[in-house]
Amino acid sequence: GTIYYADSVKGRFTISEDAAKNRVYLQMNSLKAEDTAVY
């Protein structure tokens, strides 16, 4: 369950998982124009 974040998104982005569904999520809040990218 250990998580590492880049400093640039710490506090705004949150990674989580649903192990039963074998899915990982990235919750992105307070989005800025500079967050525009392919993820």
PDB file of all heavy atoms in Angstrom:
ATOM      1  N   GLY A   1       0.799  -1.218   0.000  1.00  0.00           N
ATOM      2  CA  GLY A   1       0.000   0.000   0.000  1.00  0.00           C
ATOM      3  C   GLY A   1       0.830   1.266   0.000  1.00  0.00           C
ATOM      4  O   GLY A   1       0.276   2.371   0.035  1.00  0.00           O
ATOM      5  N   THR A   2       2.144   1.124  -0.054  1.00  0.00           N
ATOM      6  CA  THR A   2       3.018   2.303  -0.079  1.00  0.00           C
ATOM      7  C   THR A   2       2.807   3.073  -1.378  1.00  0.00           C
ATOM      8  O   THR A   2       2.704   2.481  -2.452  1.00  0.00           O
ATOM      9  CB  THR A   2       4.489   1.891   0.039  1.00  0.00           C
ATOM     10  OG1 THR A   2       4.656   1.147   1.255  1.00  0.00           O
ATOM     11  CG2 THR A   2       5.388   3.109   0.067  1.00  0.00           C
ATOM     12  N   ILE A   3       2.751   4.389  -1.253  1.00  0.00           N
ATOM     13  CA  ILE A   3       2.499   5.261  -2.406  1.00  0.00           C
ATOM     14  C   ILE A   3       3.583   6.314  -2.484  1.00  0.00           C
ATOM     15  O   ILE A   3       4.022   6.856  -1.459  1.00  0.00           O
ATOM     16  CB  ILE A   3       1.113   5.930  -2.283  1.00  0.00           C
ATOM     17  CG1 ILE A   3       0.001   4.885  -2.445  1.00  0.00           C
ATOM     18  CG2 ILE A   3       0.953   7.031  -3.305  1.00  0.00           C
ATOM     19  CD1 ILE A   3      -1.379   5.426  -2.141  1.00  0.00           C
ATOM     20  N   TYR A   4       3.994   6.603  -3.704  1.00  0.00           N
ATOM     21  CA  TYR A   4       4.946   7.684  -3.955  1.00  0.00           C
ATOM     22  C   TYR A   4       4.325   8.652  -4.948  1.00  0.00           C
ATOM     23  O   TYR A   4       3.695   8.235  -5.923  1.00  0.00           O
ATOM     24  CB  TYR A   4       6.256   7.132  -4.518  1.00  0.00           C
ATOM     25  CG  TYR A   4       6.937   6.137  -3.623  1.00  0.00           C
ATOM     26  CD1 TYR A   4       6.802   4.769  -3.827  1.00  0.00           C
ATOM     27  CD2 TYR A   4       7.717   6.559  -2.544  1.00  0.00           C
ATOM     28  CE1 TYR A   4       7.418   3.849  -3.004  1.00  0.00           C
ATOM     29  CE2 TYR A   4       8.337   5.642  -1.714  1.00  0.00           C
ATOM     30  CZ  TYR A   4       8.171   4.291  -1.954  1.00  0.00           C
ATOM     31  OH  TYR A   4       8.786   3.384  -1.121  1.00  0.00           O
ATOM     32  N   TYR A   5       4.516   9.940  -4.696  1.00  0.00           N
ATOM     33  CA  TYR A   5       4.010  10.987  -5.583  1.00  0.00           C
ATOM     34  C   TYR A   5       5.149  11.873  -6.066  1.00  0.00           C
ATOM     35  O   TYR A   5       6.128  12.099  -5.353  1.00  0.00           O
ATOM     36  CB  TYR A   5       3.005  11.885  -4.862  1.00  0.00           C
ATOM     37  CG  TYR A   5       1.682  11.254  -4.548  1.00  0.00           C
ATOM     38  CD1 TYR A   5       1.391  10.823  -3.257  1.00  0.00           C
ATOM     39  CD2 TYR A   5       0.707  11.095  -5.534  1.00  0.00           C
ATOM     40  CE1 TYR A   5       0.165  10.255  -2.949  1.00  0.00           C
ATOM     41  CE2 TYR A   5      -0.525  10.527  -5.239  1.00  0.00           C
ATOM     42  CZ  TYR A   5      -0.788  10.106  -3.951  1.00  0.00           C
ATOM     43  OH  TYR A   5      -2.006   9.536  -3.657  1.00  0.00           O
ATOM     44  N   ALA A   6       4.958  12.430  -7.266  1.00  0.00           N
ATOM     45  CA  ALA A   6       5.835  13.500  -7.705  1.00  0.00           C
ATOM     46  C   ALA A   6       5.489  14.755  -6.914  1.00  0.00           C
ATOM     47  O   ALA A   6       4.313  15.007  -6.605  1.00  0.00           O
ATOM     48  CB  ALA A   6       5.647  13.751  -9.203  1.00  0.00           C
ATOM     49  N   ASP A   7       6.491  15.565  -6.613  1.00  0.00           N
ATOM     50  CA  ASP A   7       6.242  16.789  -5.845  1.00  0.00           C
ATOM     51  C   ASP A   7       5.248  17.702  -6.548  1.00  0.00           C
ATOM     52  O   ASP A   7       4.477  18.415  -5.901  1.00  0.00           O
ATOM     53  CB  ASP A   7       7.553  17.530  -5.616  1.00  0.00           C
ATOM     54  CG  ASP A   7       8.456  16.833  -4.623  1.00  0.00           C
ATOM     55  OD1 ASP A   7       7.964  15.992  -3.848  1.00  0.00           O
ATOM     56  OD2 ASP A   7       9.672  17.125  -4.622  1.00  0.00           O
ATOM     57  N   SER A   8       5.247  17.656  -7.879  1.00  0.00           N
ATOM     58  CA  SER A   8       4.410  18.576  -8.648  1.00  0.00           C
ATOM     59  C   SER A   8       2.916  18.318  -8.471  1.00  0.00           C
ATOM     60  O   SER A   8       2.099  19.205  -8.732  1.00  0.00           O
ATOM     61  CB  SER A   8       4.763  18.484 -10.129  1.00  0.00           C
ATOM     62  OG  SER A   8       4.560  17.154 -10.609  1.00  0.00           O
ATOM     63  N   VAL A   9       2.540  17.115  -8.033  1.00  0.00           N
ATOM     64  CA  VAL A   9       1.115  16.798  -7.905  1.00  0.00           C
ATOM     65  C   VAL A   9       0.712  16.430  -6.479  1.00  0.00           C
ATOM     66  O   VAL A   9      -0.468  16.182  -6.211  1.00  0.00           O
ATOM     67  CB  VAL A   9       0.703  15.667  -8.872  1.00  0.00           C
ATOM     68  CG1 VAL A   9       1.004  16.068 -10.306  1.00  0.00           C
ATOM     69  CG2 VAL A   9       1.377  14.357  -8.519  1.00  0.00           C
ATOM     70  N   LYS A  10       1.673  16.387  -5.583  1.00  0.00           N
ATOM     71  CA  LYS A  10       1.385  16.012  -4.200  1.00  0.00           C
ATOM     72  C   LYS A  10       0.371  16.982  -3.614  1.00  0.00           C
ATOM     73  O   LYS A  10       0.525  18.200  -3.724  1.00  0.00           O
ATOM     74  CB  LYS A  10       2.684  16.029  -3.390  1.00  0.00           C
ATOM     75  CG  LYS A  10       2.656  15.205  -2.135  1.00  0.00           C
ATOM     76  CD  LYS A  10       4.043  15.153  -1.494  1.00  0.00           C
ATOM     77  CE  LYS A  10       5.040  14.402  -2.334  1.00  0.00           C
ATOM     78  NZ  LYS A  10       6.358  14.283  -1.672  1.00  0.00           N
ATOM     79  N   GLY A  11      -0.674  16.447  -3.008  1.00  0.00           N
ATOM     80  CA  GLY A  11      -1.717  17.274  -2.430  1.00  0.00           C
ATOM     81  C   GLY A  11      -2.872  17.554  -3.382  1.00  0.00           C
ATOM     82  O   GLY A  11      -3.964  17.942  -2.934  1.00  0.00           O
ATOM     83  N   ARG A  12      -2.670  17.371  -4.675  1.00  0.00           N
ATOM     84  CA  ARG A  12      -3.755  17.581  -5.650  1.00  0.00           C
ATOM     85  C   ARG A  12      -4.225  16.284  -6.273  1.00  0.00           C
ATOM     86  O   ARG A  12      -5.412  16.134  -6.579  1.00  0.00           O
ATOM     87  CB  ARG A  12      -3.303  18.520  -6.774  1.00  0.00           C
ATOM     88  CG  ARG A  12      -3.041  19.934  -6.355  1.00  0.00           C
ATOM     89  CD  ARG A  12      -2.935  20.849  -7.573  1.00  0.00           C
ATOM     90  NE  ARG A  12      -1.888  20.427  -8.493  1.00  0.00           N
ATOM     91  CZ  ARG A  12      -2.070  20.226  -9.793  1.00  0.00           C
ATOM     92  NH1 ARG A  12      -3.257  20.415 -10.345  1.00  0.00           N
ATOM     93  NH2 ARG A  12      -1.049  19.874 -10.569  1.00  0.00           N
ATOM     94  N   PHE A  13      -3.298  15.350  -6.490  1.00  0.00           N
ATOM     95  CA  PHE A  13      -3.626  14.076  -7.126  1.00  0.00           C
ATOM     96  C   PHE A  13      -3.559  12.963  -6.076  1.00  0.00           C
ATOM     97  O   PHE A  13      -2.695  12.988  -5.199  1.00  0.00           O
ATOM     98  CB  PHE A  13      -2.650  13.749  -8.246  1.00  0.00           C
ATOM     99  CG  PHE A  13      -2.767  14.632  -9.465  1.00  0.00           C
ATOM    100  CD1 PHE A  13      -3.570  15.769  -9.471  1.00  0.00           C
ATOM    101  CD2 PHE A  13      -2.051  14.332 -10.606  1.00  0.00           C
ATOM    102  CE1 PHE A  13      -3.663  16.579 -10.599  1.00  0.00           C
ATOM    103  CE2 PHE A  13      -2.128  15.120 -11.741  1.00  0.00           C
ATOM    104  CZ  PHE A  13      -2.940  16.255 -11.732  1.00  0.00           C
ATOM    105  N   THR A  14      -4.447  11.983  -6.225  1.00  0.00           N
ATOM    106  CA  THR A  14      -4.476  10.846  -5.316  1.00  0.00           C
ATOM    107  C   THR A  14      -4.604   9.559  -6.118  1.00  0.00           C
ATOM    108  O   THR A  14      -5.524   9.430  -6.930  1.00  0.00           O
ATOM    109  CB  THR A  14      -5.648  10.944  -4.332  1.00  0.00           C
ATOM    110  OG1 THR A  14      -5.559  12.176  -3.599  1.00  0.00           O
ATOM    111  CG2 THR A  14      -5.633   9.783  -3.350  1.00  0.00           C
ATOM    112  N   ILE A  15      -3.711   8.620  -5.853  1.00  0.00           N
ATOM    113  CA  ILE A  15      -3.785   7.313  -6.492  1.00  0.00           C
ATOM    114  C   ILE A  15      -4.449   6.340  -5.530  1.00  0.00           C
ATOM    115  O   ILE A  15      -4.232   6.399  -4.314  1.00  0.00           O
ATOM    116  CB  ILE A  15      -2.377   6.814  -6.910  1.00  0.00           C
ATOM    117  CG1 ILE A  15      -2.481   5.547  -7.760  1.00  0.00           C
ATOM    118  CG2 ILE A  15      -1.481   6.595  -5.704  1.00  0.00           C
ATOM    119  CD1 ILE A  15      -1.144   5.123  -8.368  1.00  0.00           C
ATOM    120  N   SER A  16      -5.292   5.481  -6.091  1.00  0.00           N
ATOM    121  CA  SER A  16      -5.963   4.476  -5.273  1.00  0.00           C
ATOM    122  C   SER A  16      -6.227   3.251  -6.136  1.00  0.00           C
ATOM    123  O   SER A  16      -6.010   3.281  -7.349  1.00  0.00           O
ATOM    124  CB  SER A  16      -7.266   5.026  -4.691  1.00  0.00           C
ATOM    125  OG  SER A  16      -8.164   5.370  -5.738  1.00  0.00           O
ATOM    126  N   GLU A  17      -6.696   2.184  -5.501  1.00  0.00           N
ATOM    127  CA  GLU A  17      -6.986   0.990  -6.275  1.00  0.00           C
ATOM    128  C   GLU A  17      -8.249   0.308  -5.779  1.00  0.00           C
ATOM    129  O   GLU A  17      -8.680   0.501  -4.641  1.00  0.00           O
ATOM    130  CB  GLU A  17      -5.811   0.002  -6.218  1.00  0.00           C
ATOM    131  CG  GLU A  17      -5.633  -0.680  -4.878  1.00  0.00           C
ATOM    132  CD  GLU A  17      -4.825  -1.953  -4.951  1.00  0.00           C
ATOM    133  OE1 GLU A  17      -4.643  -2.518  -6.047  1.00  0.00           O
ATOM    134  OE2 GLU A  17      -4.369  -2.409  -3.892  1.00  0.00           O
ATOM    135  N   ASP A  18      -8.823  -0.462  -6.675  1.00  0.00           N
ATOM    136  CA  ASP A  18      -9.889  -1.401  -6.330  1.00  0.00           C
ATOM    137  C   ASP A  18      -9.332  -2.775  -6.695  1.00  0.00           C
ATOM    138  O   ASP A  18      -9.351  -3.162  -7.864  1.00  0.00           O
ATOM    139  CB  ASP A  18     -11.156  -1.073  -7.122  1.00  0.00           C
ATOM    140  CG  ASP A  18     -12.320  -1.981  -6.743  1.00  0.00           C
ATOM    141  OD1 ASP A  18     -12.085  -3.133  -6.309  1.00  0.00           O
ATOM    142  OD2 ASP A  18     -13.471  -1.545  -6.884  1.00  0.00           O
ATOM    143  N   ALA A  19      -8.804  -3.453  -5.698  1.00  0.00           N
ATOM    144  CA  ALA A  19      -8.122  -4.711  -5.956  1.00  0.00           C
ATOM    145  C   ALA A  19      -9.061  -5.757  -6.557  1.00  0.00           C
ATOM    146  O   ALA A  19      -8.661  -6.552  -7.411  1.00  0.00           O
ATOM    147  CB  ALA A  19      -7.489  -5.235  -4.668  1.00  0.00           C
ATOM    148  N   ALA A  20     -10.307  -5.751  -6.125  1.00  0.00           N
ATOM    149  CA  ALA A  20     -11.261  -6.740  -6.623  1.00  0.00           C
ATOM    150  C   ALA A  20     -11.492  -6.589  -8.122  1.00  0.00           C
ATOM    151  O   ALA A  20     -11.714  -7.568  -8.842  1.00  0.00           O
ATOM    152  CB  ALA A  20     -12.577  -6.621  -5.861  1.00  0.00           C
ATOM    153  N   LYS A  21     -11.442  -5.342  -8.591  1.00  0.00           N
ATOM    154  CA  LYS A  21     -11.662  -5.064 -10.010  1.00  0.00           C
ATOM    155  C   LYS A  21     -10.350  -4.963 -10.784  1.00  0.00           C
ATOM    156  O   LYS A  21     -10.361  -4.785 -11.992  1.00  0.00           O
ATOM    157  CB  LYS A  21     -12.437  -3.755 -10.177  1.00  0.00           C
ATOM    158  CG  LYS A  21     -13.849  -3.806  -9.629  1.00  0.00           C
ATOM    159  CD  LYS A  21     -14.568  -2.487  -9.880  1.00  0.00           C
ATOM    160  CE  LYS A  21     -16.003  -2.548  -9.365  1.00  0.00           C
ATOM    161  NZ  LYS A  21     -16.708  -1.250  -9.576  1.00  0.00           N
ATOM    162  N   ASN A  22      -9.230  -5.085 -10.073  1.00  0.00           N
ATOM    163  CA  ASN A  22      -7.910  -4.952 -10.689  1.00  0.00           C
ATOM    164  C   ASN A  22      -7.800  -3.609 -11.427  1.00  0.00           C
ATOM    165  O   ASN A  22      -7.347  -3.554 -12.582  1.00  0.00           O
ATOM    166  CB  ASN A  22      -7.616  -6.119 -11.638  1.00  0.00           C
ATOM    167  CG  ASN A  22      -6.138  -6.431 -11.732  1.00  0.00           C
ATOM    168  OD1 ASN A  22      -5.341  -5.961 -10.914  1.00  0.00           O
ATOM    169  ND2 ASN A  22      -5.766  -7.197 -12.725  1.00  0.00           N
ATOM    170  N   ARG A  23      -8.215  -2.567 -10.747  1.00  0.00           N
ATOM    171  CA  ARG A  23      -8.183  -1.223 -11.313  1.00  0.00           C
ATOM    172  C   ARG A  23      -7.419  -0.281 -10.397  1.00  0.00           C
ATOM    173  O   ARG A  23      -7.446  -0.411  -9.171  1.00  0.00           O
ATOM    174  CB  ARG A  23      -9.602  -0.671 -11.484  1.00  0.00           C
ATOM    175  CG  ARG A  23     -10.359  -1.230 -12.666  1.00  0.00           C
ATOM    176  CD  ARG A  23     -11.743  -0.642 -12.745  1.00  0.00           C
ATOM    177  NE  ARG A  23     -12.470  -1.124 -13.904  1.00  0.00           N
ATOM    178  CZ  ARG A  23     -12.574  -0.441 -15.034  1.00  0.00           C
ATOM    179  NH1 ARG A  23     -12.031   0.751 -15.140  1.00  0.00           N
ATOM    180  NH2 ARG A  23     -13.246  -0.955 -16.051  1.00  0.00           N
ATOM    181  N   VAL A  24      -6.763   0.679 -11.027  1.00  0.00           N
ATOM    182  CA  VAL A  24      -6.095   1.747 -10.311  1.00  0.00           C
ATOM    183  C   VAL A  24      -6.678   3.066 -10.794  1.00  0.00           C
ATOM    184  O   VAL A  24      -6.996   3.210 -11.983  1.00  0.00           O
ATOM    185  CB  VAL A  24      -4.574   1.712 -10.547  1.00  0.00           C
ATOM    186  CG1 VAL A  24      -3.913   2.963  -9.988  1.00  0.00           C
ATOM    187  CG2 VAL A  24      -3.967   0.488  -9.897  1.00  0.00           C
ATOM    188  N   TYR A  25      -6.805   4.009  -9.885  1.00  0.00           N
ATOM    189  CA  TYR A  25      -7.420   5.289 -10.204  1.00  0.00           C
ATOM    190  C   TYR A  25      -6.448   6.431  -9.918  1.00  0.00           C
ATOM    191  O   TYR A  25      -5.543   6.310  -9.093  1.00  0.00           O
ATOM    192  CB  TYR A  25      -8.682   5.498  -9.376  1.00  0.00           C
ATOM    193  CG  TYR A  25      -9.702   4.398  -9.546  1.00  0.00           C
ATOM    194  CD1 TYR A  25      -9.768   3.350  -8.621  1.00  0.00           C
ATOM    195  CD2 TYR A  25     -10.580   4.391 -10.615  1.00  0.00           C
ATOM    196  CE1 TYR A  25     -10.698   2.328  -8.770  1.00  0.00           C
ATOM    197  CE2 TYR A  25     -11.505   3.382 -10.775  1.00  0.00           C
ATOM    198  CZ  TYR A  25     -11.555   2.357  -9.857  1.00  0.00           C
ATOM    199  OH  TYR A  25     -12.471   1.350 -10.009  1.00  0.00           O
ATOM    200  N   LEU A  26      -6.682   7.538 -10.596  1.00  0.00           N
ATOM    201  CA  LEU A  26      -5.961   8.774 -10.288  1.00  0.00           C
ATOM    202  C   LEU A  26      -6.996   9.882 -10.177  1.00  0.00           C
ATOM    203  O   LEU A  26      -7.583  10.298 -11.179  1.00  0.00           O
ATOM    204  CB  LEU A  26      -4.928   9.116 -11.369  1.00  0.00           C
ATOM    205  CG  LEU A  26      -4.045  10.306 -11.043  1.00  0.00           C
ATOM    206  CD1 LEU A  26      -3.102   9.956  -9.871  1.00  0.00           C
ATOM    207  CD2 LEU A  26      -3.231  10.749 -12.249  1.00  0.00           C
ATOM    208  N   GLN A  27      -7.246  10.302  -8.953  1.00  0.00           N
ATOM    209  CA  GLN A  27      -8.150  11.420  -8.704  1.00  0.00           C
ATOM    210  C   GLN A  27      -7.352  12.705  -8.821  1.00  0.00           C
ATOM    211  O   GLN A  27      -6.362  12.883  -8.106  1.00  0.00           O
ATOM    212  CB  GLN A  27      -8.774  11.300  -7.313  1.00  0.00           C
ATOM    213  CG  GLN A  27      -9.673  12.463  -6.944  1.00  0.00           C
ATOM    214  CD  GLN A  27     -10.932  12.520  -7.775  1.00  0.00           C
ATOM    215  OE1 GLN A  27     -11.553  11.500  -8.044  1.00  0.00           O
ATOM    216  NE2 GLN A  27     -11.321  13.721  -8.198  1.00  0.00           N
ATOM    217  N   MET A  28      -7.785  13.582  -9.704  1.00  0.00           N
ATOM    218  CA  MET A  28      -7.068  14.826  -9.957  1.00  0.00           C
ATOM    219  C   MET A  28      -7.966  16.006  -9.595  1.00  0.00           C
ATOM    220  O   MET A  28      -9.040  16.160 -10.182  1.00  0.00           O
ATOM    221  CB  MET A  28      -6.652  14.901 -11.423  1.00  0.00           C
ATOM    222  CG  MET A  28      -5.848  13.700 -11.886  1.00  0.00           C
ATOM    223  SD  MET A  28      -5.233  13.880 -13.571  1.00  0.00           S
ATOM    224  CE  MET A  28      -6.767  13.890 -14.502  1.00  0.00           C
ATOM    225  N   ASN A  29      -7.533  16.802  -8.651  1.00  0.00           N
ATOM    226  CA  ASN A  29      -8.293  17.957  -8.192  1.00  0.00           C
ATOM    227  C   ASN A  29      -7.530  19.246  -8.473  1.00  0.00           C
ATOM    228  O   ASN A  29      -6.328  19.230  -8.721  1.00  0.00           O
ATOM    229  CB  ASN A  29      -8.569  17.845  -6.698  1.00  0.00           C
ATOM    230  CG  ASN A  29      -9.397  16.632  -6.344  1.00  0.00           C
ATOM    231  OD1 ASN A  29     -10.252  16.182  -7.117  1.00  0.00           O
ATOM    232  ND2 ASN A  29      -9.158  16.068  -5.165  1.00  0.00           N
ATOM    233  N   SER A  30      -8.251  20.349  -8.426  1.00  0.00           N
ATOM    234  CA  SER A  30      -7.646  21.681  -8.621  1.00  0.00           C
ATOM    235  C   SER A  30      -6.797  21.693  -9.884  1.00  0.00           C
ATOM    236  O   SER A  30      -5.641  22.139  -9.877  1.00  0.00           O
ATOM    237  CB  SER A  30      -6.791  22.064  -7.406  1.00  0.00           C
ATOM    238  OG  SER A  30      -7.573  22.062  -6.243  1.00  0.00           O
ATOM    239  N   LEU A  31      -7.376  21.219 -10.954  1.00  0.00           N
ATOM    240  CA  LEU A  31      -6.615  21.086 -12.199  1.00  0.00           C
ATOM    241  C   LEU A  31      -6.232  22.448 -12.757  1.00  0.00           C
ATOM    242  O   LEU A  31      -6.981  23.429 -12.636  1.00  0.00           O
ATOM    243  CB  LEU A  31      -7.420  20.284 -13.218  1.00  0.00           C
ATOM    244  CG  LEU A  31      -7.429  18.779 -12.936  1.00  0.00           C
ATOM    245  CD1 LEU A  31      -8.542  18.083 -13.712  1.00  0.00           C
ATOM    246  CD2 LEU A  31      -6.087  18.157 -13.283  1.00  0.00           C
ATOM    247  N   LYS A  32      -5.059  22.469 -13.386  1.00  0.00           N
ATOM    248  CA  LYS A  32      -4.515  23.683 -13.977  1.00  0.00           C
ATOM    249  C   LYS A  32      -4.282  23.444 -15.474  1.00  0.00           C
ATOM    250  O   LYS A  32      -4.176  22.292 -15.920  1.00  0.00           O
ATOM    251  CB  LYS A  32      -3.180  24.027 -13.310  1.00  0.00           C
ATOM    252  CG  LYS A  32      -3.226  24.072 -11.798  1.00  0.00           C
ATOM    253  CD  LYS A  32      -1.831  24.238 -11.227  1.00  0.00           C
ATOM    254  CE  LYS A  32      -1.842  24.156  -9.713  1.00  0.00           C
ATOM    255  NZ  LYS A  32      -0.479  24.276  -9.153  1.00  0.00           N
ATOM    256  N   ALA A  33      -4.136  24.530 -16.202  1.00  0.00           N
ATOM    257  CA  ALA A  33      -3.890  24.403 -17.637  1.00  0.00           C
ATOM    258  C   ALA A  33      -2.635  23.578 -17.908  1.00  0.00           C
ATOM    259  O   ALA A  33      -2.581  22.804 -18.873  1.00  0.00           O
ATOM    260  CB  ALA A  33      -3.775  25.783 -18.265  1.00  0.00           C
ATOM    261  N   GLU A  34      -1.644  23.707 -17.036  1.00  0.00           N
ATOM    262  CA  GLU A  34      -0.389  22.966 -17.242  1.00  0.00           C
ATOM    263  C   GLU A  34      -0.515  21.476 -16.953  1.00  0.00           C
ATOM    264  O   GLU A  34       0.437  20.722 -17.170  1.00  0.00           O
ATOM    265  CB  GLU A  34       0.740  23.573 -16.407  1.00  0.00           C
ATOM    266  CG  GLU A  34       0.402  23.774 -14.954  1.00  0.00           C
ATOM    267  CD  GLU A  34      -0.053  25.207 -14.662  1.00  0.00           C
ATOM    268  OE1 GLU A  34      -0.854  25.757 -15.460  1.00  0.00           O
ATOM    269  OE2 GLU A  34       0.381  25.750 -13.623  1.00  0.00           O
ATOM    270  N   ASP A  35      -1.661  21.041 -16.478  1.00  0.00           N
ATOM    271  CA  ASP A  35      -1.906  19.605 -16.315  1.00  0.00           C
ATOM    272  C   ASP A  35      -2.351  18.954 -17.627  1.00  0.00           C
ATOM    273  O   ASP A  35      -2.501  17.731 -17.687  1.00  0.00           O
ATOM    274  CB  ASP A  35      -2.978  19.354 -15.245  1.00  0.00           C
ATOM    275  CG  ASP A  35      -2.523  19.752 -13.861  1.00  0.00           C
ATOM    276  OD1 ASP A  35      -1.364  19.467 -13.502  1.00  0.00           O
ATOM    277  OD2 ASP A  35      -3.340  20.345 -13.118  1.00  0.00           O
ATOM    278  N   THR A  36      -2.568  19.761 -18.651  1.00  0.00           N
ATOM    279  CA  THR A  36      -2.967  19.224 -19.945  1.00  0.00           C
ATOM    280  C   THR A  36      -1.884  18.318 -20.496  1.00  0.00           C
ATOM    281  O   THR A  36      -0.724  18.715 -20.622  1.00  0.00           O
ATOM    282  CB  THR A  36      -3.245  20.366 -20.935  1.00  0.00           C
ATOM    283  OG1 THR A  36      -4.372  21.109 -20.479  1.00  0.00           O
ATOM    284  CG2 THR A  36      -3.517  19.826 -22.329  1.00  0.00           C
ATOM    285  N   ALA A  37      -2.260  17.081 -20.812  1.00  0.00           N
ATOM    286  CA  ALA A  37      -1.294  16.079 -21.268  1.00  0.00           C
ATOM    287  C   ALA A  37      -2.039  14.798 -21.602  1.00  0.00           C
ATOM    288  O   ALA A  37      -3.233  14.665 -21.317  1.00  0.00           O
ATOM    289  CB  ALA A  37      -0.256  15.803 -20.190  1.00  0.00           C
ATOM    290  N   VAL A  38      -1.309  13.864 -22.181  1.00  0.00           N
ATOM    291  CA  VAL A  38      -1.791  12.493 -22.287  1.00  0.00           C
ATOM    292  C   VAL A  38      -1.334  11.760 -21.030  1.00  0.00           C
ATOM    293  O   VAL A  38      -0.153  11.813 -20.686  1.00  0.00           O
ATOM    294  CB  VAL A  38      -1.264  11.788 -23.545  1.00  0.00           C
ATOM    295  CG1 VAL A  38      -1.738  10.342 -23.584  1.00  0.00           C
ATOM    296  CG2 VAL A  38      -1.704  12.531 -24.800  1.00  0.00           C
ATOM    297  N   TYR A  39      -2.246  11.107 -20.370  1.00  0.00           N
ATOM    298  CA  TYR A  39      -1.961  10.412 -19.116  1.00  0.00           C
ATOM    299  C   TYR A  39      -1.874   8.911 -19.378  1.00  0.00           C
ATOM    300  O   TYR A  39      -2.774   8.329 -20.011  1.00  0.00           O
ATOM    301  CB  TYR A  39      -3.048  10.721 -18.092  1.00  0.00           C
ATOM    302  CG  TYR A  39      -2.888  12.101 -17.499  1.00  0.00           C
ATOM    303  CD1 TYR A  39      -3.099  13.237 -18.281  1.00  0.00           C
ATOM    304  CD2 TYR A  39      -2.495  12.272 -16.179  1.00  0.00           C
ATOM    305  CE1 TYR A  39      -2.929  14.510 -17.751  1.00  0.00           C
ATOM    306  CE2 TYR A  39      -2.321  13.539 -15.650  1.00  0.00           C
ATOM    307  CZ  TYR A  39      -2.538  14.648 -16.438  1.00  0.00           C
ATOM    308  OH  TYR A  39      -2.356  15.906 -15.911  1.00  0.00           O
TER     309      TYR A  39
END
